Amino acid sequence: MTKRDITNKLYDRLVKENGLKLNKKELYDIVSEIFNIIEEKILEGENIKVSGFGTFIVKNRKPKKGMNLKEMKLIEIPERKVVVFKPSRQFIKL
């Protein structure tokens, strides 16, 4: 599902069904800004919790050894941050 698909679903539910006075461009801008805020906070290292949906958690991966298969040499893979998603209990029950 893309941001455009989310915008279309919101438009159907909020505008067509409930009579909210927004156009698709305004809804797309709102959806984009929500994702921009989430991305910004994750890049700052903050966890994002969405009640009833789940939590995006920023974790540190320890450095580890790997293998460069072209040169057959051991290499050091540096520490890095990754984002993991943990669904809420309500979401898991679906």
Protein backbone atom coordinates (compact mmCIF):
# COMPACT_ATOMS: atom_id res chain seq x y z
CA MET A 1 0.00 0.00 0.00
CA THR A 2 1.38 3.39 -0.97
CA LYS A 3 0.80 6.88 0.42
CA ARG A 4 -1.49 7.48 -2.54
CA ASP A 5 -3.54 4.37 -1.63
CA ILE A 6 -3.80 5.55 1.98
CA THR A 7 -4.91 8.98 0.75
CA ASN A 8 -7.61 7.43 -1.42
CA LYS A 9 -8.91 5.29 1.48
CA LEU A 10 -8.97 8.35 3.76
CA TYR A 11 -10.77 10.34 1.08
CA ASP A 12 -13.43 7.64 0.73
CA ARG A 13 -13.96 7.34 4.49
CA LEU A 14 -13.63 10.95 5.60
CA VAL A 15 -14.93 12.93 2.64
CA LYS A 16 -17.40 10.68 0.86
CA GLU A 17 -18.84 8.92 3.93
CA ASN A 18 -18.55 11.65 6.58
CA GLY A 19 -18.67 14.85 4.51
CA LEU A 20 -15.32 16.27 5.68
CA LYS A 21 -14.31 19.26 3.53
CA LEU A 22 -10.85 18.25 2.27
CA ASN A 23 -9.56 17.47 -1.18
CA LYS A 24 -7.19 14.64 -2.11
CA LYS A 25 -4.18 16.97 -2.35
CA GLU A 26 -4.73 18.20 1.23
CA LEU A 27 -5.16 14.64 2.50
CA TYR A 28 -2.00 13.54 0.65
CA ASP A 29 -0.08 16.41 2.28
CA ILE A 30 -1.35 15.34 5.72
CA VAL A 31 -0.37 11.69 5.14
CA SER A 32 3.06 12.76 3.86
CA GLU A 33 3.63 15.00 6.87
CA ILE A 34 2.70 12.21 9.28
CA PHE A 35 5.27 9.92 7.65
CA ASN A 36 7.85 12.74 7.62
CA ILE A 37 7.39 13.25 11.38
CA ILE A 38 7.70 9.49 12.03
CA GLU A 39 10.86 9.31 9.90
CA GLU A 40 12.34 12.39 11.61
CA LYS A 41 11.77 10.98 15.10
CA ILE A 42 13.14 7.55 14.18
CA LEU A 43 16.28 9.18 12.75
CA GLU A 44 16.64 11.01 16.09
CA GLY A 45 16.58 7.59 17.79
CA GLU A 46 13.10 7.83 19.29
CA ASN A 47 10.67 4.92 19.39
CA ILE A 48 7.23 5.51 17.88
CA LYS A 49 4.23 3.92 19.59
CA VAL A 50 0.87 3.85 17.81
CA SER A 51 -1.79 2.55 20.21
CA GLY A 52 -3.70 -0.44 18.85
CA PHE A 53 -1.17 -0.87 16.02
CA GLY A 54 2.35 -1.33 17.36
CA THR A 55 5.71 0.21 18.12
CA PHE A 56 8.62 1.09 15.86
CA ILE A 57 11.76 0.48 17.94
CA VAL A 58 15.23 1.77 17.13
CA LYS A 59 17.83 -0.86 18.07
CA ASN A 60 21.61 -0.93 17.88
CA ARG A 61 23.22 -3.87 16.10
CA LYS A 62 26.61 -4.81 17.52
CA PRO A 63 29.63 -4.83 15.23
CA LYS A 64 30.41 -8.25 13.81
CA LYS A 65 32.81 -10.05 11.54
CA GLY A 66 31.82 -10.85 7.98
CA MET A 67 33.40 -12.19 4.83
CA ASN A 68 34.11 -10.35 1.58
CA LEU A 69 33.41 -13.24 -0.78
CA LYS A 70 35.11 -11.60 -3.78
CA GLU A 71 38.44 -11.22 -2.02
CA MET A 72 37.91 -14.00 0.57
CA LYS A 73 38.91 -11.64 3.38
CA LEU A 74 37.43 -11.15 6.82
CA ILE A 75 35.92 -7.73 7.28
CA GLU A 76 34.53 -5.85 10.26
CA ILE A 77 30.87 -4.89 9.88
CA PRO A 78 30.40 -1.74 11.98
CA GLU A 79 27.73 -1.11 14.59
CA ARG A 80 24.52 0.24 13.09
CA LYS A 81 21.00 1.18 14.00
CA VAL A 82 17.98 -0.70 12.68
CA VAL A 83 14.25 -0.16 13.03
CA VAL A 84 12.10 -3.09 14.11
CA PHE A 85 8.32 -3.24 14.37
CA LYS A 86 6.58 -4.89 17.30
CA PRO A 87 2.82 -5.25 16.72
CA SER A 88 0.41 -4.52 19.55
CA ARG A 89 -1.63 -7.29 21.15
CA GLN A 90 -4.80 -6.11 19.42
CA PHE A 91 -3.00 -6.17 16.06
CA ILE A 92 -1.65 -9.70 16.68
CA LYS A 93 -5.15 -11.00 17.47
CA LEU A 94 -6.31 -10.10 13.94
